């Protein structure tokens, strides 16, 4: 039995301590780590903090997790750690941890989360990452022309603008959302934000108190879950199937206490890709009305639908003003623009504008006015149509490559829309997921395990990965899948 670990001050130090013990052989391959309950009690941390550390270790390929079984050190983990030397952690500037007694409860919860920025790819790596777009797809010339026109119209009085957003962009968005989403709203309901993550943070700050129950999808968008947890919310996890959120579970989940908020991705469930059917949409709204619960509808990539008819949005079906609709331009233009929007119930619009005023005054006005011009003159719609064709071609290339090189060895979810696929490996146990990711990395391919997107306990028995394709060209997709097939074969 290895010696007990020194008491860490945060999830980062706990991660480092366990990683170091694996690297020096104190935790040999196959060794069972303490249960999250036992380690949390021993170290004075929450079980959620320990679970997040274990999830990060599994994502990095150092431990294997399996539902109902102990977390164990993965085969070859020590060799990988030694080969990495001090690894990515060593490249970070050394910082002392602030005394937790001098931090707010929010800061302490945030400190316990293993949030890490994305690492750049080494040359030659084929990265099936979800989120980034290809720089060559950005509409550079139309954007520069619109930006020059916007800056050329600069007013003589330079002052802070409305926190709601530029009036011309909100007017353009009102028309755009009516035409493309069937939404009927006023410009006063539209709040321009710095991307969807900013919108989620505003919702958590203004609608939640510590301990409030929040319903989330399982699996689901991890950074949304972390926003709510950072503000002290209690997450209630509803399972997901091929049709999205299983609304039949909502009543049981909230039997003890009504939920304050529900976060859903009904247009394209992340990460499994389900599309919430009309019956479930009505069931969700009926439940929310009865609970007096706010519903965040994250419409993050609905511009990419391939041959399927969209259902009405939750907001267009809402008769009780409980739905907050969140959208972004990160999936059509660029995440670097930090442009998104919220369509708020009338009762919330003024309050959210006040909160944004205190947060950042307003979003940069030049890009807002430029985007408004692109929407008004039709350039944005033409760009979206062009991007839809390109992304569909990439998706088809990925599907065909998976069929050629892996065939019946994989099962695919989420091909009806979006910019990623969920790819399952029926012949590979969930505990082998990290090994597959590592084997692919050794062949110059990055794929991303699906396990970290599940809340504990994990709800799947098969290994799975999330494969984005928006960053890649067609030959890269073919080579990447071929290498992935070789990685899978090496495990068999």
Protein backbone atom coordinates (compact mmCIF):
# COMPACT_ATOMS: atom_id res chain seq x y z
CA UNK A 1 0.00 0.00 0.00
CA UNK A 2 1.60 3.31 -1.04
CA UNK A 3 2.21 5.98 1.56
CA UNK A 4 -0.60 8.51 1.94
CA UNK A 5 -0.38 11.68 -0.11
CA UNK A 6 0.38 15.00 1.59
CA UNK A 7 -2.68 17.17 1.99
CA UNK A 8 -3.06 19.33 -1.15
CA UNK A 9 -4.33 22.87 -1.13
CA UNK A 10 -6.25 22.55 -4.39
CA UNK A 11 -7.21 20.23 -7.23
CA UNK A 12 -4.07 21.32 -9.10
CA UNK A 13 -1.75 20.15 -6.33
CA UNK A 14 -3.76 16.93 -5.89
CA UNK A 15 -3.41 16.26 -9.62
CA UNK A 16 0.33 16.91 -9.45
CA UNK A 17 0.78 14.70 -6.40
CA UNK A 18 -1.03 11.72 -7.91
CA UNK A 19 0.75 12.21 -11.22
CA UNK A 20 4.10 12.32 -9.44
CA UNK A 21 3.32 9.13 -7.49
CA UNK A 22 2.45 7.37 -10.75
CA UNK A 23 5.65 8.65 -12.37
CA UNK A 24 7.95 7.52 -9.56
CA UNK A 25 6.32 4.10 -9.31
CA UNK A 26 4.66 4.58 -5.92
CA UNK A 27 1.38 3.94 -7.68
CA UNK A 28 2.19 1.03 -9.98
CA UNK A 29 0.14 0.07 -13.03
CA UNK A 30 -3.12 -1.52 -11.93
CA UNK A 31 -3.03 0.05 -8.45
CA UNK A 32 -6.49 1.12 -7.26
CA UNK A 33 -6.66 4.75 -6.21
CA UNK A 34 -8.70 5.63 -3.12
CA UNK A 35 -12.41 6.15 -3.71
CA UNK A 36 -13.49 9.74 -4.27
CA UNK A 37 -15.41 9.64 -0.97
CA UNK A 38 -12.42 8.36 1.02
CA UNK A 39 -9.90 10.72 -0.56
CA UNK A 40 -12.21 13.71 -0.20
CA UNK A 41 -12.69 12.97 3.50
CA UNK A 42 -8.97 12.41 4.04
CA UNK A 43 -7.84 15.59 2.25
CA UNK A 44 -10.64 17.92 3.32
CA UNK A 45 -11.87 18.45 -0.24
CA UNK A 46 -15.26 17.93 -1.84
CA UNK A 47 -16.02 14.71 -3.71
CA UNK A 48 -16.67 16.83 -6.78
CA UNK A 49 -13.14 18.21 -6.63
CA UNK A 50 -11.62 14.73 -6.36
CA UNK A 51 -13.87 13.47 -9.17
CA UNK A 52 -12.69 16.30 -11.43
CA UNK A 53 -9.06 15.42 -10.70
CA UNK A 54 -9.71 11.74 -11.50
CA UNK A 55 -11.49 12.76 -14.72
CA UNK A 56 -8.49 14.88 -15.73
CA UNK A 57 -6.08 12.03 -14.97
CA UNK A 58 -8.25 9.72 -17.09
CA UNK A 59 -8.42 12.27 -19.91
CA UNK A 60 -4.61 12.48 -19.86
CA UNK A 61 -4.35 8.69 -20.06
CA UNK A 62 -2.85 8.12 -16.61
CA UNK A 63 -5.74 6.20 -15.00
CA UNK A 64 -8.56 3.94 -16.15
CA UNK A 65 -12.11 4.44 -14.94
CA UNK A 66 -15.02 2.06 -15.19
CA UNK A 67 -18.58 2.39 -13.83
CA UNK A 68 -18.92 0.60 -10.48
CA UNK A 69 -15.20 -0.19 -10.21
CA UNK A 70 -12.20 1.46 -8.61
CA UNK A 71 -10.11 3.94 -10.55
CA UNK A 72 -6.80 2.25 -11.39
CA UNK A 73 -3.44 3.38 -12.72
CA UNK A 74 -3.29 2.79 -16.49
CA UNK A 75 -0.73 0.49 -18.05
CA UNK A 76 2.29 2.44 -19.28
CA UNK A 77 1.29 5.63 -17.44
CA UNK A 78 4.58 5.86 -15.55
CA UNK A 79 6.60 5.55 -18.75
CA UNK A 80 4.56 8.30 -20.41
CA UNK A 81 5.03 10.63 -17.44
CA UNK A 82 8.77 10.00 -17.33
CA UNK A 83 9.00 10.53 -21.09
CA UNK A 84 7.23 13.83 -20.73
CA UNK A 85 9.68 14.91 -18.06
CA UNK A 86 7.93 17.49 -16.00
CA UNK A 87 5.31 17.71 -18.78
CA UNK A 88 3.02 20.55 -19.58
CA UNK A 89 2.83 21.58 -15.94
CA UNK A 90 6.53 22.46 -15.97
CA UNK A 91 6.09 24.97 -18.80
CA UNK A 92 3.63 26.99 -16.74
CA UNK A 93 5.00 29.85 -14.67
CA UNK A 94 5.41 28.83 -11.06
CA UNK A 95 2.89 30.48 -8.79
CA UNK A 96 2.24 30.28 -5.12
CA UNK A 97 -1.30 29.33 -4.18
CA UNK A 98 -3.15 32.13 -2.38
CA UNK A 99 -4.33 31.41 1.13
CA UNK A 100 -7.84 30.00 0.68
CA UNK A 101 -8.95 31.92 3.76
CA UNK A 102 -8.38 35.14 1.84
CA UNK A 103 -10.49 34.03 -1.14
CA UNK A 104 -14.24 34.11 -1.65
CA UNK A 105 -16.21 30.87 -1.72
CA UNK A 106 -16.59 31.37 -5.48
CA UNK A 107 -12.81 31.71 -5.91
CA UNK A 108 -12.18 28.56 -3.87
CA UNK A 109 -14.62 26.57 -5.98
CA UNK A 110 -13.03 27.96 -9.14
CA UNK A 111 -9.54 27.15 -7.88
CA UNK A 112 -10.58 23.53 -7.39
CA UNK A 113 -11.56 23.10 -11.05
CA UNK A 114 -8.94 21.72 -13.47
CA UNK A 115 -9.51 24.40 -16.10
CA UNK A 116 -6.71 24.44 -18.64
CA UNK A 117 -6.32 26.36 -21.89
CA UNK A 118 -5.97 24.32 -25.05
CA UNK A 119 -2.40 23.39 -25.96
CA UNK A 120 -1.17 24.12 -29.51
CA UNK A 121 -0.61 21.15 -31.78
CA UNK A 122 2.93 20.08 -32.65
CA UNK A 123 3.70 20.17 -36.37
CA UNK A 124 2.22 17.27 -38.28
CA UNK A 125 -0.48 16.41 -35.74
CA UNK A 126 -3.97 15.88 -37.15
CA UNK A 127 -6.32 17.32 -34.56
CA UNK A 128 -10.00 16.29 -34.52
CA UNK A 129 -10.70 18.99 -31.95
CA UNK A 130 -14.18 20.46 -31.58
CA UNK A 131 -14.48 24.24 -31.36
CA UNK A 132 -11.81 25.87 -33.53
CA UNK A 133 -12.56 26.79 -37.14
CA UNK A 134 -10.14 26.90 -40.06
CA UNK A 135 -8.69 30.38 -40.52
CA UNK A 136 -8.91 29.99 -44.30
CA UNK A 137 -12.71 29.84 -44.00
CA UNK A 138 -13.09 33.28 -42.42
CA UNK A 139 -14.70 35.84 -44.80
CA UNK A 140 -11.72 38.17 -44.59
CA UNK A 141 -12.51 40.60 -47.43
CA UNK A 142 -16.21 41.15 -46.59
CA UNK A 143 -15.31 41.53 -42.90
CA UNK A 144 -12.56 44.07 -43.56
CA UNK A 145 -14.82 46.10 -45.85
CA UNK A 146 -17.61 46.11 -43.26
CA UNK A 147 -15.18 46.98 -40.46
CA UNK A 148 -13.71 49.87 -42.45
CA UNK A 149 -17.20 51.22 -43.13
CA UNK A 150 -18.10 50.89 -39.47
CA UNK A 151 -14.97 52.64 -38.27
CA UNK A 152 -15.38 55.32 -40.95
CA UNK A 153 -18.76 56.19 -39.43
CA UNK A 154 -17.26 56.85 -36.00
CA UNK A 155 -19.18 59.54 -34.14
CA UNK A 156 -17.52 62.70 -32.86
CA UNK A 157 -18.43 61.83 -29.29
CA UNK A 158 -16.50 58.81 -28.02
CA UNK A 159 -18.36 57.46 -25.01
CA UNK A 160 -19.50 54.21 -23.47
CA UNK A 161 -22.25 52.53 -25.47
CA UNK A 162 -25.37 50.71 -24.32
CA UNK A 163 -24.65 47.44 -22.46
CA UNK A 164 -27.50 45.88 -24.47
CA UNK A 165 -25.37 46.15 -27.61
CA UNK A 166 -25.21 48.31 -30.72
CA UNK A 167 -28.76 49.22 -31.84
CA UNK A 168 -27.99 48.37 -35.47
CA UNK A 169 -26.80 44.86 -34.53
CA UNK A 170 -29.79 44.19 -32.32
CA UNK A 171 -32.09 45.32 -35.12
CA UNK A 172 -30.27 43.06 -37.59
CA UNK A 173 -30.39 40.16 -35.15
CA UNK A 174 -34.13 40.63 -34.63
CA UNK A 175 -34.73 40.15 -38.36
CA UNK A 176 -32.14 37.38 -38.69
CA UNK A 177 -33.60 35.34 -35.83
CA UNK A 178 -37.12 35.76 -37.17
CA UNK A 179 -36.06 34.51 -40.62
CA UNK A 180 -33.75 31.68 -39.56
CA UNK A 181 -35.14 30.54 -36.17
CA UNK A 182 -38.74 31.65 -36.28
CA UNK A 183 -38.25 33.79 -33.17
CA UNK A 184 -40.50 36.73 -32.46
CA UNK A 185 -38.84 39.18 -30.07
CA UNK A 186 -38.23 42.88 -29.60
CA UNK A 187 -34.82 44.51 -29.87
CA UNK A 188 -35.09 45.32 -26.13
CA UNK A 189 -35.01 41.56 -25.40
CA UNK A 190 -31.70 41.09 -27.23
CA UNK A 191 -28.46 41.43 -25.27
CA UNK A 192 -25.14 41.26 -27.13
CA UNK A 193 -22.54 39.36 -25.10
CA UNK A 194 -18.93 38.24 -25.44
CA UNK A 195 -19.79 34.73 -26.57
CA UNK A 196 -22.07 32.07 -25.10
CA UNK A 197 -19.81 31.46 -22.10
CA UNK A 198 -20.37 35.06 -21.04
CA UNK A 199 -24.12 34.48 -21.34
CA UNK A 200 -23.93 31.40 -19.10
CA UNK A 201 -21.94 33.32 -16.51
CA UNK A 202 -24.55 36.09 -16.43
CA UNK A 203 -27.32 33.52 -15.99
CA UNK A 204 -25.49 31.82 -13.12
CA UNK A 205 -24.73 35.10 -11.34
CA UNK A 206 -28.21 36.53 -11.64
CA UNK A 207 -30.43 33.46 -11.29
CA UNK A 208 -28.64 31.15 -8.85
CA UNK A 209 -27.77 31.07 -5.18
CA UNK A 210 -25.35 28.52 -3.66
CA UNK A 211 -27.10 25.20 -3.26
CA UNK A 212 -29.77 25.85 -5.90
CA UNK A 213 -30.58 22.76 -8.02
CA UNK A 214 -29.76 23.03 -11.73
CA UNK A 215 -30.77 20.36 -14.25
CA UNK A 216 -28.10 19.55 -16.84
CA UNK A 217 -27.72 16.96 -19.58
CA UNK A 218 -25.57 13.89 -18.92
CA UNK A 219 -23.31 13.80 -20.89
CA UNK A 220 -23.18 17.49 -21.59
CA UNK A 221 -21.17 20.64 -22.13
CA UNK A 222 -18.60 20.59 -19.37
CA UNK A 223 -17.84 24.33 -19.26
CA UNK A 224 -21.52 25.09 -18.69
CA UNK A 225 -21.56 22.63 -15.80
CA UNK A 226 -18.44 24.23 -14.36
CA UNK A 227 -19.94 27.72 -14.52
CA UNK A 228 -22.92 26.59 -12.44
CA UNK A 229 -20.72 24.67 -10.00
CA UNK A 230 -18.44 27.69 -9.57
CA UNK A 231 -21.45 29.62 -8.28
CA UNK A 232 -22.27 26.79 -5.86
CA UNK A 233 -25.17 25.16 -7.71
CA UNK A 234 -26.17 21.54 -7.13
CA UNK A 235 -26.23 19.74 -10.48
CA UNK A 236 -29.08 17.31 -11.20
CA UNK A 237 -28.10 15.12 -14.15
CA UNK A 238 -30.73 13.96 -16.64
CA UNK A 239 -29.65 11.20 -18.98
CA UNK A 240 -29.50 11.67 -22.75
CA UNK A 241 -30.49 9.24 -25.52
CA UNK A 242 -30.63 9.47 -29.31
CA UNK A 243 -33.43 12.05 -29.02
CA UNK A 244 -31.65 14.27 -26.51
CA UNK A 245 -32.71 15.02 -22.94
CA UNK A 246 -34.88 12.32 -21.38
CA UNK A 247 -37.63 14.58 -20.08
CA UNK A 248 -39.35 11.65 -18.36
CA UNK A 249 -36.63 11.83 -15.68
CA UNK A 250 -37.30 15.46 -14.74
CA UNK A 251 -40.06 14.85 -12.20
CA UNK A 252 -38.01 12.33 -10.22
CA UNK A 253 -34.89 14.50 -10.31
CA UNK A 254 -36.74 17.41 -8.75
CA UNK A 255 -39.02 15.50 -6.40
CA UNK A 256 -37.17 16.73 -3.30
CA UNK A 257 -36.74 20.36 -4.34
CA UNK A 258 -37.74 22.31 -7.46
CA UNK A 259 -34.98 23.21 -9.88
CA UNK A 260 -34.05 26.86 -10.25
CA UNK A 261 -32.56 26.48 -13.72
CA UNK A 262 -32.22 23.95 -16.54
CA UNK A 263 -29.51 24.03 -19.19
CA UNK A 264 -30.26 22.22 -22.46
CA UNK A 265 -28.97 21.95 -26.04
CA UNK A 266 -32.20 20.90 -27.81
CA UNK A 267 -31.16 21.77 -31.38
CA UNK A 268 -28.06 19.56 -31.34
CA UNK A 269 -27.35 17.89 -28.02
CA UNK A 270 -23.72 18.20 -27.02
CA UNK A 271 -21.95 15.82 -27.42
CA UNK A 272 -24.25 13.02 -28.64
CA UNK A 273 -26.03 15.06 -31.31
CA UNK A 274 -29.68 14.23 -30.51
CA UNK A 275 -32.44 16.55 -31.70
CA UNK A 276 -35.14 17.07 -29.07
CA UNK A 277 -38.49 16.05 -30.63
CA UNK A 278 -41.60 18.17 -30.30
CA UNK A 279 -43.23 16.02 -27.61
CA UNK A 280 -40.18 16.35 -25.37
CA UNK A 281 -39.95 20.08 -26.02
CA UNK A 282 -43.50 20.53 -24.77
CA UNK A 283 -42.84 18.20 -21.82
CA UNK A 284 -39.75 20.22 -20.85
CA UNK A 285 -41.64 23.50 -21.01
CA UNK A 286 -44.64 22.13 -19.07
CA UNK A 287 -42.28 20.91 -16.35
CA UNK A 288 -40.43 24.25 -16.28
CA UNK A 289 -43.70 26.19 -16.02
CA UNK A 290 -44.85 24.02 -13.12
CA UNK A 291 -41.48 24.38 -11.37
CA UNK A 292 -41.17 28.13 -12.05
CA UNK A 293 -37.80 27.21 -13.48
CA UNK A 294 -35.70 29.16 -15.98
CA UNK A 295 -34.56 27.24 -19.08
CA UNK A 296 -31.37 28.14 -20.96
CA UNK A 297 -31.66 27.06 -24.60
CA UNK A 298 -28.09 26.94 -25.96
CA UNK A 299 -28.43 27.21 -29.74
CA UNK A 300 -24.70 26.86 -30.32
CA UNK A 301 -24.43 25.41 -33.85
CA UNK A 302 -27.88 25.20 -35.39
CA UNK A 303 -26.69 26.85 -38.62
CA UNK A 304 -25.27 23.45 -39.58
CA UNK A 305 -28.21 21.20 -40.38
CA UNK A 306 -27.78 18.63 -43.11
CA UNK A 307 -31.00 17.51 -44.76
CA UNK A 308 -33.20 17.58 -41.64
CA UNK A 309 -36.09 19.90 -40.92
CA UNK A 310 -35.61 22.08 -37.82
CA UNK A 311 -38.25 22.01 -35.11
CA UNK A 312 -39.44 25.26 -33.50
CA UNK A 313 -37.07 26.58 -30.85
CA UNK A 314 -38.01 26.34 -27.19
CA UNK A 315 -38.30 30.11 -27.07
CA UNK A 316 -40.86 30.17 -29.88
CA UNK A 317 -42.95 27.58 -27.98
CA UNK A 318 -42.66 29.28 -24.58
CA UNK A 319 -45.88 30.84 -23.32
CA UNK A 320 -44.67 31.59 -19.78
CA UNK A 321 -41.53 33.65 -20.48
CA UNK A 322 -39.17 31.18 -18.86
CA UNK A 323 -36.78 30.46 -21.77
CA UNK A 324 -33.47 32.28 -22.23
CA UNK A 325 -32.19 31.73 -25.78
CA UNK A 326 -28.39 31.87 -26.23
CA UNK A 327 -26.63 32.03 -29.60
CA UNK A 328 -23.11 32.66 -30.85
CA UNK A 329 -21.15 33.56 -33.98
CA UNK A 330 -18.21 31.44 -32.82
CA UNK A 331 -19.24 28.52 -35.04
CA UNK A 332 -19.90 30.52 -38.22
CA UNK A 333 -17.36 33.37 -38.11
CA UNK A 334 -14.72 32.93 -35.40
CA UNK A 335 -14.47 32.26 -31.65
CA UNK A 336 -11.89 35.05 -31.53
CA UNK A 337 -14.51 37.72 -32.27
CA UNK A 338 -16.25 37.00 -28.94
CA UNK A 339 -19.67 37.86 -30.29
CA UNK A 340 -22.82 36.20 -29.06
CA UNK A 341 -26.31 37.16 -28.01
CA UNK A 342 -29.12 36.38 -25.60
CA UNK A 343 -32.85 36.67 -26.20
CA UNK A 344 -34.23 37.29 -22.73
CA UNK A 345 -37.72 37.21 -21.24
CA UNK A 346 -38.93 40.84 -20.99
CA UNK A 347 -38.78 40.74 -17.19
CA UNK A 348 -35.05 39.93 -17.24
CA UNK A 349 -33.74 42.20 -19.99
CA UNK A 350 -33.10 45.30 -17.90
CA UNK A 351 -31.52 43.34 -15.06
CA UNK A 352 -29.11 41.52 -17.38
CA UNK A 353 -28.16 44.82 -19.03
CA UNK A 354 -27.35 46.27 -15.60
CA UNK A 355 -25.18 43.25 -14.77
CA UNK A 356 -23.34 43.55 -18.07
CA UNK A 357 -22.78 47.24 -17.39
CA UNK A 358 -20.98 46.31 -14.17
CA UNK A 359 -19.06 43.47 -15.83
CA UNK A 360 -17.57 45.04 -18.96
CA UNK A 361 -19.66 48.14 -19.80
CA UNK A 362 -20.38 46.83 -23.31
CA UNK A 363 -19.03 44.64 -26.09
CA UNK A 364 -16.66 46.36 -28.56
CA UNK A 365 -18.82 48.46 -30.87
CA UNK A 366 -16.76 48.29 -34.10
CA UNK A 367 -17.16 44.53 -34.60
CA UNK A 368 -20.86 44.80 -33.66
CA UNK A 369 -21.51 47.42 -36.36
CA UNK A 370 -19.47 45.45 -38.90
CA UNK A 371 -21.47 42.30 -38.22
CA UNK A 372 -24.72 44.25 -38.50
CA UNK A 373 -23.68 45.38 -41.99
CA UNK A 374 -22.84 41.80 -43.04
CA UNK A 375 -26.26 40.63 -41.87
CA UNK A 376 -28.10 43.53 -43.50
CA UNK A 377 -26.45 43.27 -46.93
CA UNK A 378 -26.76 39.49 -47.12
CA UNK A 379 -23.01 38.77 -46.87
CA UNK A 380 -23.42 36.85 -43.63
CA UNK A 381 -26.19 34.62 -45.04
CA UNK A 382 -24.06 33.87 -48.12
CA UNK A 383 -21.11 33.03 -45.87
CA UNK A 384 -23.23 30.68 -43.76
CA UNK A 385 -24.51 28.86 -46.83
CA UNK A 386 -20.94 28.46 -48.09
CA UNK A 387 -19.76 27.23 -44.69
CA UNK A 388 -22.65 24.77 -44.48
CA UNK A 389 -21.57 23.22 -47.78
CA UNK A 390 -17.93 23.06 -46.68
CA UNK A 391 -18.67 21.56 -43.29
CA UNK A 392 -21.06 19.02 -44.79
CA UNK A 393 -18.32 17.96 -47.22
CA UNK A 394 -15.91 17.54 -44.31
CA UNK A 395 -18.46 15.57 -42.36
CA UNK A 396 -19.13 13.28 -45.29
CA UNK A 397 -15.39 12.75 -45.74
CA UNK A 398 -15.12 11.78 -42.07
CA UNK A 399 -18.10 9.43 -42.25
CA UNK A 400 -16.77 7.76 -45.39
CA UNK A 401 -13.28 7.41 -43.93
CA UNK A 402 -14.67 5.87 -40.74
CA UNK A 403 -16.65 3.44 -42.89
CA UNK A 404 -13.64 2.47 -44.99
CA UNK A 405 -11.08 2.07 -42.23
CA UNK A 406 -13.18 1.04 -39.23
CA UNK A 407 -16.48 -0.23 -40.63
CA UNK A 408 -18.49 -2.14 -38.05
CA UNK A 409 -15.88 -1.45 -35.39
CA UNK A 410 -17.50 1.94 -34.75
CA UNK A 411 -20.97 3.32 -34.09
CA UNK A 412 -21.64 6.96 -34.95
CA UNK A 413 -24.00 9.48 -33.36
CA UNK A 414 -24.86 13.05 -34.25
CA UNK A 415 -24.45 13.07 -38.04
CA UNK A 416 -27.64 15.03 -38.76
CA UNK A 417 -26.09 18.39 -37.90
CA UNK A 418 -23.27 20.24 -36.21
CA UNK A 419 -19.50 20.27 -36.45
CA UNK A 420 -18.57 17.06 -34.64
CA UNK A 421 -19.45 13.37 -34.38
CA UNK A 422 -19.59 11.08 -31.38
CA UNK A 423 -17.78 7.88 -32.36
CA UNK A 424 -18.23 4.76 -30.23
CA UNK A 425 -16.10 1.59 -30.25
CA UNK A 426 -18.41 -1.31 -29.28
CA UNK A 427 -15.49 -3.73 -28.98
CA UNK A 428 -13.58 -1.51 -26.58
CA UNK A 429 -14.51 -1.00 -22.92
CA UNK A 430 -14.87 2.50 -21.52
CA UNK A 431 -11.86 1.75 -19.31
CA UNK A 432 -9.73 1.50 -22.46
CA UNK A 433 -10.73 4.92 -23.76
CA UNK A 434 -7.60 6.65 -22.47
CA UNK A 435 -5.42 3.95 -24.03
CA UNK A 436 -7.05 4.55 -27.41
CA UNK A 437 -6.51 8.30 -27.12
CA UNK A 438 -2.87 7.73 -26.19
CA UNK A 439 -2.31 5.21 -28.98
CA UNK A 440 -3.75 7.70 -31.47
CA UNK A 441 -1.53 10.48 -30.10
CA UNK A 442 1.53 8.30 -30.61
CA UNK A 443 0.56 8.14 -34.30
CA UNK A 444 0.12 11.90 -34.65
CA UNK A 445 -3.66 12.08 -34.19
CA UNK A 446 -5.60 13.88 -31.47
CA UNK A 447 -9.05 12.58 -30.55
CA UNK A 448 -10.93 13.50 -27.41
CA UNK A 449 -12.42 11.02 -24.91
CA UNK A 450 -16.10 11.27 -24.22
CA UNK A 451 -15.86 10.13 -20.58
CA UNK A 452 -15.01 13.58 -19.14
CA UNK A 453 -18.32 14.87 -20.53
CA UNK A 454 -20.25 12.45 -18.31
CA UNK A 455 -20.98 13.26 -14.70
CA UNK A 456 -20.15 10.57 -12.16
CA UNK A 457 -20.97 7.78 -12.33
CA UNK A 458 -20.11 7.35 -16.00
CA UNK A 459 -23.14 6.35 -18.03
CA UNK A 460 -21.52 4.33 -20.78
CA UNK A 461 -19.81 0.97 -21.08
CA UNK A 462 -18.08 1.46 -24.44
CA UNK A 463 -15.11 3.63 -25.28
CA UNK A 464 -16.03 6.74 -27.24
CA UNK A 465 -14.44 9.88 -28.63
CA UNK A 466 -15.67 13.25 -29.88
CA UNK A 467 -14.31 14.07 -33.34
CA UNK A 468 -14.59 17.59 -34.71
CA UNK A 469 -13.88 18.23 -38.37
CA UNK A 470 -14.20 22.00 -38.94
CA UNK A 471 -10.45 22.58 -38.69
CA UNK A 472 -9.31 19.95 -41.20
CA UNK A 473 -9.10 19.56 -44.95
CA UNK A 474 -10.29 16.38 -46.67
CA UNK A 475 -6.88 14.67 -47.07
CA UNK A 476 -6.11 15.29 -43.38
CA UNK A 477 -9.41 13.67 -42.40
CA UNK A 478 -8.56 10.58 -44.45
CA UNK A 479 -5.06 10.26 -43.00
CA UNK A 480 -6.29 10.91 -39.47
CA UNK A 481 -8.91 8.18 -39.57
CA UNK A 482 -6.41 5.74 -41.08
CA UNK A 483 -4.03 6.41 -38.18
CA UNK A 484 -6.91 6.07 -35.70
CA UNK A 485 -7.69 2.66 -37.18
CA UNK A 486 -4.05 1.67 -36.70
CA UNK A 487 -4.24 2.82 -33.07
CA UNK A 488 -7.35 0.73 -32.49
CA UNK A 489 -5.71 -2.29 -34.08
CA UNK A 490 -2.71 -1.91 -31.74
CA UNK A 491 -5.03 -2.30 -28.74
CA UNK A 492 -6.60 -5.47 -30.10
